[in-house]
Amino acid sequence: MDLVRKGQAIEGLVVGTDHQTAGRGQRGNTWESEPGQNLTVSWVLRPQHLPLGQQFALSMAMANGVRAALAQLTSHAVTVKWPNDIYIHQRKIGGLLLESIVQTGKLSAMVVGLGLNINQLDGLPPQATSLRMLTGSQQALDQVLGLICHKVEQEYLSLRQTNGIGAIKQRYMAHLLGYGQLRNYRIMLTGEHFSAMLVDVLPSGRAVFRESDGQNRSYDIKEVEWLW
């Protein structure tokens, strides 16, 4: 983000580190990674053709790309948990965080951060997993990153195509964890629990749930929590 603000970041720049000391996730959560074992990278993108209010299309595209790459590296089903966490067997293997820079009312740049558990075996939360845990073999980080960049670029470029956003959403929904299933959730503000079916994701990124009374209601990621 500092490079973007200083005008030193061209589109497509990938910045990575072997030892991330202040990783961040959704809702202000921290992302911890064992040094030298995982992928902690950020991309600089300039999707200036995307209108404000439709940035979630980029979030879907990035999640699709990461998911597709992992699907080539494991025989297990890889899914996306709304909005852009990557899961295998209902265990988290990685997540994305997107930050935008808006200038003169237009989307100037976005920095997309990815944390992905690759070779780490110890110290992961009980609900997390890694590629090595799933495959039983050590992974070459540079090769995994190369495949991810290839898949992400394919998705990113498709944003510019006719009906590109529609096709990206179709791929996103096809691998969305819990889509069309009755699950339990909690409203963050009140602590109220409810059962509902995830039925859609809006262009703003809000998820639409069909609740027990038959009504559809939408929530932001900061408003609702999965209870599994």
C-alpha atoms as a PDB file:
ATOM      1  CA  MET A   1       0.000   0.000   0.000  1.00  0.00           C
ATOM      2  CA  ASP A   2       2.923   2.331   0.695  1.00  0.00           C
ATOM      3  CA  LEU A   3       4.336   1.626  -2.773  1.00  0.00           C
ATOM      4  CA  VAL A   4       0.955   2.434  -4.341  1.00  0.00           C
ATOM      5  CA  ARG A   5       0.679   5.729  -2.485  1.00  0.00           C
ATOM      6  CA  LYS A   6       4.229   6.669  -3.537  1.00  0.00           C
ATOM      7  CA  GLY A   7       3.447   5.877  -7.186  1.00  0.00           C
ATOM      8  CA  GLN A   8       6.029   3.078  -7.262  1.00  0.00           C
ATOM      9  CA  ALA A   9       3.707   0.130  -7.883  1.00  0.00           C
ATOM     10  CA  ILE A  10       2.830  -0.948 -11.398  1.00  0.00           C
ATOM     11  CA  GLU A  11      -0.214  -3.112 -11.978  1.00  0.00           C
ATOM     12  CA  GLY A  12       0.550  -6.778 -11.476  1.00  0.00           C
ATOM     13  CA  LEU A  13       3.248  -6.192  -8.882  1.00  0.00           C
ATOM     14  CA  VAL A  14       3.423  -9.088  -6.405  1.00  0.00           C
ATOM     15  CA  VAL A  15       4.966  -8.463  -3.003  1.00  0.00           C
ATOM     16  CA  GLY A  16       5.681 -11.427  -0.746  1.00  0.00           C
ATOM     17  CA  THR A  17       7.492 -12.272   2.446  1.00  0.00           C
ATOM     18  CA  ASP A  18       8.801 -15.427   4.093  1.00  0.00           C
ATOM     19  CA  HIS A  19       8.055 -14.019   7.535  1.00  0.00           C
ATOM     20  CA  GLN A  20       4.911 -11.974   8.045  1.00  0.00           C
ATOM     21  CA  THR A  21       4.733 -10.298  11.434  1.00  0.00           C
ATOM     22  CA  ALA A  22       1.451  -8.378  11.278  1.00  0.00           C
ATOM     23  CA  GLY A  23      -0.931 -10.376   9.110  1.00  0.00           C
ATOM     24  CA  ARG A  24      -4.526  -9.195   9.005  1.00  0.00           C
ATOM     25  CA  GLY A  25      -7.773 -10.912   8.133  1.00  0.00           C
ATOM     26  CA  GLN A  26     -11.485 -10.142   8.012  1.00  0.00           C
ATOM     27  CA  ARG A  27     -13.100  -8.273  10.939  1.00  0.00           C
ATOM     28  CA  GLY A  28      -9.679  -7.112  12.145  1.00  0.00           C
ATOM     29  CA  ASN A  29      -8.569 -10.670  12.940  1.00  0.00           C
ATOM     30  CA  THR A  30      -4.877 -11.519  12.878  1.00  0.00           C
ATOM     31  CA  TRP A  31      -3.335 -14.004  10.454  1.00  0.00           C
ATOM     32  CA  GLU A  32      -0.326 -15.867  11.881  1.00  0.00           C
ATOM     33  CA  SER A  33       2.070 -17.846   9.718  1.00  0.00           C
ATOM     34  CA  GLU A  34       5.157 -19.912  10.532  1.00  0.00           C
ATOM     35  CA  PRO A  35       8.212 -18.313   8.847  1.00  0.00           C
ATOM     36  CA  GLY A  36       9.178 -19.861   5.519  1.00  0.00           C
ATOM     37  CA  GLN A  37       6.321 -22.367   5.436  1.00  0.00           C
ATOM     38  CA  ASN A  38       3.407 -20.592   3.788  1.00  0.00           C
ATOM     39  CA  LEU A  39       2.457 -18.019   1.165  1.00  0.00           C
ATOM     40  CA  THR A  40       1.898 -14.452   2.370  1.00  0.00           C
ATOM     41  CA  VAL A  41       1.680 -12.206  -0.678  1.00  0.00           C
ATOM     42  CA  SER A  42      -0.101  -9.133  -1.994  1.00  0.00           C
ATOM     43  CA  TRP A  43      -0.996  -8.081  -5.528  1.00  0.00           C
ATOM     44  CA  VAL A  44      -1.330  -4.529  -6.816  1.00  0.00           C
ATOM     45  CA  LEU A  45      -4.223  -4.256  -9.269  1.00  0.00           C
ATOM     46  CA  ARG A  46      -5.784  -1.287 -11.030  1.00  0.00           C
ATOM     47  CA  PRO A  47      -9.297  -2.371 -12.079  1.00  0.00           C
ATOM     48  CA  GLN A  48     -10.278   1.173 -13.024  1.00  0.00           C
ATOM     49  CA  HIS A  49     -12.935  -0.160 -15.391  1.00  0.00           C
ATOM     50  CA  LEU A  50     -14.881  -1.479 -12.388  1.00  0.00           C
ATOM     51  CA  PRO A  51     -17.519   1.013 -11.208  1.00  0.00           C
ATOM     52  CA  LEU A  52     -17.531   1.934  -7.547  1.00  0.00           C
ATOM     53  CA  GLY A  53     -19.873  -0.393  -5.722  1.00  0.00           C
ATOM     54  CA  GLN A  54     -18.875  -3.395  -7.825  1.00  0.00           C
ATOM     55  CA  GLN A  55     -15.486  -4.081  -6.250  1.00  0.00           C
ATOM     56  CA  PHE A  56     -16.790  -7.390  -4.970  1.00  0.00           C
ATOM     57  CA  ALA A  57     -16.501  -8.728  -8.512  1.00  0.00           C
ATOM     58  CA  LEU A  58     -12.730  -8.513  -8.032  1.00  0.00           C
ATOM     59  CA  SER A  59     -13.014 -10.301  -4.705  1.00  0.00           C
ATOM     60  CA  MET A  60     -14.903 -13.124  -6.411  1.00  0.00           C
ATOM     61  CA  ALA A  61     -12.356 -13.272  -9.236  1.00  0.00           C
ATOM     62  CA  MET A  62      -9.416 -13.523  -6.848  1.00  0.00           C
ATOM     63  CA  ALA A  63     -11.121 -16.195  -4.755  1.00  0.00           C
ATOM     64  CA  ASN A  64     -11.950 -18.137  -7.918  1.00  0.00           C
ATOM     65  CA  GLY A  65      -8.334 -18.015  -9.059  1.00  0.00           C
ATOM     66  CA  VAL A  66      -6.890 -19.198  -5.753  1.00  0.00           C
ATOM     67  CA  ARG A  67      -9.517 -21.923  -5.465  1.00  0.00           C
ATOM     68  CA  ALA A  68      -8.861 -23.165  -9.009  1.00  0.00           C
ATOM     69  CA  ALA A  69      -5.111 -23.346  -8.372  1.00  0.00           C
ATOM     70  CA  LEU A  70      -5.540 -25.357  -5.177  1.00  0.00           C
ATOM     71  CA  ALA A  71      -7.985 -27.678  -6.936  1.00  0.00           C
ATOM     72  CA  GLN A  72      -5.122 -28.653  -9.263  1.00  0.00           C
ATOM     73  CA  LEU A  73      -2.841 -29.444  -6.333  1.00  0.00           C
ATOM     74  CA  THR A  74      -5.148 -31.673  -4.294  1.00  0.00           C
ATOM     75  CA  SER A  75      -7.823 -34.245  -4.987  1.00  0.00           C
ATOM     76  CA  HIS A  76      -9.988 -32.762  -2.221  1.00  0.00           C
ATOM     77  CA  ALA A  77     -12.894 -30.444  -2.980  1.00  0.00           C
ATOM     78  CA  VAL A  78     -11.890 -26.791  -2.554  1.00  0.00           C
ATOM     79  CA  THR A  79     -14.595 -24.266  -1.682  1.00  0.00           C
ATOM     80  CA  VAL A  80     -14.947 -20.556  -1.001  1.00  0.00           C
ATOM     81  CA  LYS A  81     -16.518 -19.440   2.257  1.00  0.00           C
ATOM     82  CA  TRP A  82     -18.257 -16.106   1.861  1.00  0.00           C
ATOM     83  CA  PRO A  83     -16.854 -13.614   1.240  1.00  0.00           C
ATOM     84  CA  ASN A  84     -13.372 -14.839   0.230  1.00  0.00           C
ATOM     85  CA  ASP A  85     -11.903 -17.455   2.563  1.00  0.00           C
ATOM     86  CA  ILE A  86     -10.657 -20.715   1.045  1.00  0.00           C
ATOM     87  CA  TYR A  87     -11.759 -23.962   2.689  1.00  0.00           C
ATOM     88  CA  ILE A  88     -11.081 -27.663   2.214  1.00  0.00           C
ATOM     89  CA  HIS A  89     -13.200 -30.165   4.166  1.00  0.00           C
ATOM     90  CA  GLN A  90     -14.738 -27.240   6.066  1.00  0.00           C
ATOM     91  CA  ARG A  91     -11.295 -26.273   7.362  1.00  0.00           C
ATOM     92  CA  LYS A  92      -9.713 -22.963   6.458  1.00  0.00           C
ATOM     93  CA  ILE A  93      -6.584 -23.102   4.343  1.00  0.00           C
ATOM     94  CA  GLY A  94      -6.366 -19.434   3.411  1.00  0.00           C
ATOM     95  CA  GLY A  95      -8.044 -16.100   3.031  1.00  0.00           C
ATOM     96  CA  LEU A  96      -8.006 -12.883   1.027  1.00  0.00           C
ATOM     97  CA  LEU A  97      -8.197  -9.269   2.170  1.00  0.00           C
ATOM     98  CA  LEU A  98      -8.855  -6.479  -0.346  1.00  0.00           C
ATOM     99  CA  GLU A  99      -8.118  -2.809   0.263  1.00  0.00           C
ATOM    100  CA  SER A 100      -9.014  -0.116  -2.250  1.00  0.00           C
ATOM    101  CA  ILE A 101      -7.742   3.366  -3.027  1.00  0.00           C
ATOM    102  CA  VAL A 102     -10.352   5.757  -4.433  1.00  0.00           C
ATOM    103  CA  GLN A 103      -9.305   9.016  -6.094  1.00  0.00           C
ATOM    104  CA  THR A 104     -11.635  11.667  -7.535  1.00  0.00           C
ATOM    105  CA  GLY A 105     -14.586   9.334  -7.170  1.00  0.00           C
ATOM    106  CA  LYS A 106     -12.972   6.490  -9.107  1.00  0.00           C
ATOM    107  CA  LEU A 107     -11.344   3.230  -8.119  1.00  0.00           C
ATOM    108  CA  SER A 108      -7.634   3.939  -8.527  1.00  0.00           C
ATOM    109  CA  ALA A 109      -6.010   0.773  -7.185  1.00  0.00           C
ATOM    110  CA  MET A 110      -6.591  -2.279  -5.057  1.00  0.00           C
ATOM    111  CA  VAL A 111      -4.140  -4.212  -2.947  1.00  0.00           C
ATOM    112  CA  VAL A 112      -5.166  -7.850  -2.585  1.00  0.00           C
ATOM    113  CA  GLY A 113      -3.505  -9.753   0.249  1.00  0.00           C
ATOM    114  CA  LEU A 114      -3.427 -13.552   0.441  1.00  0.00           C
ATOM    115  CA  GLY A 115      -2.454 -15.775   3.333  1.00  0.00           C
ATOM    116  CA  LEU A 116      -2.332 -19.459   2.426  1.00  0.00           C
ATOM    117  CA  ASN A 117      -1.214 -22.399   4.575  1.00  0.00           C
ATOM    118  CA  ILE A 118       1.111 -24.504   2.430  1.00  0.00           C
ATOM    119  CA  ASN A 119       3.736 -26.491   4.380  1.00  0.00           C
ATOM    120  CA  GLN A 120       2.929 -25.667   7.999  1.00  0.00           C
ATOM    121  CA  LEU A 121       2.086 -28.695  10.132  1.00  0.00           C
ATOM    122  CA  ASP A 122       2.167 -27.385  13.703  1.00  0.00           C
ATOM    123  CA  GLY A 123       0.628 -24.405  15.419  1.00  0.00           C
ATOM    124  CA  LEU A 124      -2.463 -24.106  13.242  1.00  0.00           C
ATOM    125  CA  PRO A 125      -5.881 -23.547  14.847  1.00  0.00           C
ATOM    126  CA  PRO A 126      -8.050 -26.701  15.111  1.00  0.00           C
ATOM    127  CA  GLN A 127     -10.343 -25.434  12.341  1.00  0.00           C
ATOM    128  CA  ALA A 128      -7.437 -24.837   9.913  1.00  0.00           C
ATOM    129  CA  THR A 129      -5.464 -27.018   7.544  1.00  0.00           C
ATOM    130  CA  SER A 130      -2.554 -26.777   5.111  1.00  0.00           C
ATOM    131  CA  LEU A 131      -1.760 -28.177   1.688  1.00  0.00           C
ATOM    132  CA  ARG A 132       0.957 -30.411   3.137  1.00  0.00           C
ATOM    133  CA  MET A 133      -1.442 -31.814   5.746  1.00  0.00           C
ATOM    134  CA  LEU A 134      -3.843 -32.719   2.950  1.00  0.00           C
ATOM    135  CA  THR A 135      -1.383 -34.125   0.434  1.00  0.00           C
ATOM    136  CA  GLY A 136       1.273 -35.528   2.765  1.00  0.00           C
ATOM    137  CA  SER A 137       4.068 -33.950   0.735  1.00  0.00           C
ATOM    138  CA  GLN A 138       6.241 -30.835   0.903  1.00  0.00           C
ATOM    139  CA  GLN A 139       5.280 -28.167  -1.623  1.00  0.00           C
ATOM    140  CA  ALA A 140       7.588 -25.813  -3.526  1.00  0.00           C
ATOM    141  CA  LEU A 141       6.309 -22.353  -2.588  1.00  0.00           C
ATOM    142  CA  ASP A 142       7.500 -20.667  -5.786  1.00  0.00           C
ATOM    143  CA  GLN A 143       5.726 -23.223  -7.951  1.00  0.00           C
ATOM    144  CA  VAL A 144       2.500 -22.927  -5.969  1.00  0.00           C
ATOM    145  CA  LEU A 145       2.660 -19.138  -6.220  1.00  0.00           C
ATOM    146  CA  GLY A 146       3.297 -19.339  -9.964  1.00  0.00           C
ATOM    147  CA  LEU A 147       0.204 -21.481 -10.473  1.00  0.00           C
ATOM    148  CA  ILE A 148      -1.907 -19.170  -8.305  1.00  0.00           C
ATOM    149  CA  CYS A 149      -0.715 -16.095 -10.213  1.00  0.00           C
ATOM    150  CA  HIS A 150      -1.596 -17.802 -13.502  1.00  0.00           C
ATOM    151  CA  LYS A 151      -5.119 -18.687 -12.355  1.00  0.00           C
ATOM    152  CA  VAL A 152      -5.684 -15.295 -10.726  1.00  0.00           C
ATOM    153  CA  GLU A 153      -4.590 -13.493 -13.902  1.00  0.00           C
ATOM    154  CA  GLN A 154      -7.037 -15.539 -15.973  1.00  0.00           C
ATOM    155  CA  GLU A 155      -9.891 -14.543 -13.677  1.00  0.00           C
ATOM    156  CA  TYR A 156      -8.780 -10.915 -13.485  1.00  0.00           C
ATOM    157  CA  LEU A 157      -8.578 -10.518 -17.249  1.00  0.00           C
ATOM    158  CA  SER A 158     -12.017 -12.074 -17.636  1.00  0.00           C
ATOM    159  CA  LEU A 159     -13.454  -9.084 -15.730  1.00  0.00           C
ATOM    160  CA  ARG A 160     -12.960  -7.059 -18.917  1.00  0.00           C
ATOM    161  CA  GLN A 161     -14.877  -9.474 -21.127  1.00  0.00           C
ATOM    162  CA  THR A 162     -18.518  -9.121 -22.096  1.00  0.00           C
ATOM    163  CA  ASN A 163     -20.550 -10.607 -19.255  1.00  0.00           C
ATOM    164  CA  GLY A 164     -17.262 -11.227 -17.476  1.00  0.00           C
ATOM    165  CA  ILE A 165     -18.695 -10.379 -14.070  1.00  0.00           C
ATOM    166  CA  GLY A 166     -21.641 -12.696 -14.654  1.00  0.00           C
ATOM    167  CA  ALA A 167     -19.355 -15.607 -15.551  1.00  0.00           C
ATOM    168  CA  ILE A 168     -17.122 -14.920 -12.549  1.00  0.00           C
ATOM    169  CA  LYS A 169     -20.110 -14.917 -10.225  1.00  0.00           C
ATOM    170  CA  GLN A 170     -21.363 -18.177 -11.726  1.00  0.00           C
ATOM    171  CA  ARG A 171     -18.013 -19.850 -10.973  1.00  0.00           C
ATOM    172  CA  TYR A 172     -17.974 -18.295  -7.507  1.00  0.00           C
ATOM    173  CA  MET A 173     -21.465 -19.519  -6.596  1.00  0.00           C
ATOM    174  CA  ALA A 174     -20.722 -23.001  -7.963  1.00  0.00           C
ATOM    175  CA  HIS A 175     -18.068 -23.491  -5.288  1.00  0.00           C
ATOM    176  CA  LEU A 176     -19.568 -21.409  -2.475  1.00  0.00           C
ATOM    177  CA  LEU A 177     -19.538 -23.238   0.846  1.00  0.00           C
ATOM    178  CA  GLY A 178     -23.035 -23.637   2.275  1.00  0.00           C
ATOM    179  CA  TYR A 179     -24.827 -22.333  -0.817  1.00  0.00           C
ATOM    180  CA  GLY A 180     -28.424 -23.598  -0.796  1.00  0.00           C
ATOM    181  CA  GLN A 181     -27.891 -25.368   2.526  1.00  0.00           C
ATOM    182  CA  LEU A 182     -29.599 -24.698   5.855  1.00  0.00           C
ATOM    183  CA  ARG A 183     -26.941 -23.460   8.298  1.00  0.00           C
ATOM    184  CA  ASN A 184     -26.773 -21.717  11.659  1.00  0.00           C
ATOM    185  CA  TYR A 185     -25.656 -18.102  12.037  1.00  0.00           C
ATOM    186  CA  ARG A 186     -25.373 -15.403  14.686  1.00  0.00           C
ATOM    187  CA  ILE A 187     -26.118 -11.692  14.337  1.00  0.00           C
ATOM    188  CA  MET A 188     -23.016  -9.941  15.650  1.00  0.00           C
ATOM    189  CA  LEU A 189     -24.744  -6.889  17.103  1.00  0.00           C
ATOM    190  CA  THR A 190     -27.434  -8.665  19.114  1.00  0.00           C
ATOM    191  CA  GLY A 191     -26.025 -12.171  19.544  1.00  0.00           C
ATOM    192  CA  GLU A 192     -29.256 -13.610  18.122  1.00  0.00           C
ATOM    193  CA  HIS A 193     -28.958 -17.062  16.541  1.00  0.00           C
ATOM    194  CA  PHE A 194     -30.880 -17.976  13.412  1.00  0.00           C
ATOM    195  CA  SER A 195     -31.061 -20.730  10.804  1.00  0.00           C
ATOM    196  CA  ALA A 196     -31.084 -19.731   7.161  1.00  0.00           C
ATOM    197  CA  MET A 197     -30.130 -20.750   3.649  1.00  0.00           C
ATOM    198  CA  LEU A 198     -27.508 -18.778   1.728  1.00  0.00           C
ATOM    199  CA  VAL A 199     -29.186 -18.044  -1.612  1.00  0.00           C
ATOM    200  CA  ASP A 200     -27.260 -15.205  -3.268  1.00  0.00           C
ATOM    201  CA  VAL A 201     -24.418 -12.688  -3.016  1.00  0.00           C
ATOM    202  CA  LEU A 202     -25.137  -9.114  -4.127  1.00  0.00           C
ATOM    203  CA  PRO A 203     -22.785  -6.915  -6.212  1.00  0.00           C
ATOM    204  CA  SER A 204     -21.971  -5.048  -2.993  1.00  0.00           C
ATOM    205  CA  GLY A 205     -20.727  -8.288  -1.436  1.00  0.00           C
ATOM    206  CA  ARG A 206     -23.644  -8.617   0.981  1.00  0.00           C
ATOM    207  CA  ALA A 207     -24.897 -12.183   1.370  1.00  0.00           C
ATOM    208  CA  VAL A 208     -28.606 -12.939   0.975  1.00  0.00           C
ATOM    209  CA  PHE A 209     -30.105 -15.485   3.372  1.00  0.00           C
ATOM    210  CA  ARG A 210     -33.554 -17.069   3.184  1.00  0.00           C
ATOM    211  CA  GLU A 211     -34.679 -17.284   6.796  1.00  0.00           C
ATOM    212  CA  SER A 212     -37.233 -19.572   8.444  1.00  0.00           C
ATOM    213  CA  ASP A 213     -40.077 -17.123   7.827  1.00  0.00           C
ATOM    214  CA  GLY A 214     -39.441 -17.373   4.092  1.00  0.00           C
ATOM    215  CA  GLN A 215     -38.103 -13.828   3.814  1.00  0.00           C
ATOM    216  CA  ASN A 216     -34.791 -12.987   2.154  1.00  0.00           C
ATOM    217  CA  ARG A 217     -32.494 -10.718   4.160  1.00  0.00           C
ATOM    218  CA  SER A 218     -29.012  -9.493   3.306  1.00  0.00           C
ATOM    219  CA  TYR A 219     -26.093  -9.082   5.692  1.00  0.00           C
ATOM    220  CA  ASP A 220     -22.598  -7.628   5.518  1.00  0.00           C
ATOM    221  CA  ILE A 221     -19.623  -9.735   6.637  1.00  0.00           C
ATOM    222  CA  LYS A 222     -19.368  -7.618   9.804  1.00  0.00           C
ATOM    223  CA  GLU A 223     -23.021  -8.252  10.660  1.00  0.00           C
ATOM    224  CA  VAL A 224     -23.260 -12.040  10.696  1.00  0.00           C
ATOM    225  CA  GLU A 225     -21.111 -14.962  11.856  1.00  0.00           C
ATOM    226  CA  TRP A 226     -21.224 -18.641  10.874  1.00  0.00           C
ATOM    227  CA  LEU A 227     -21.964 -21.107  13.667  1.00  0.00           C
ATOM    228  CA  TRP A 228     -21.530 -24.218  11.478  1.00  0.00           C
END
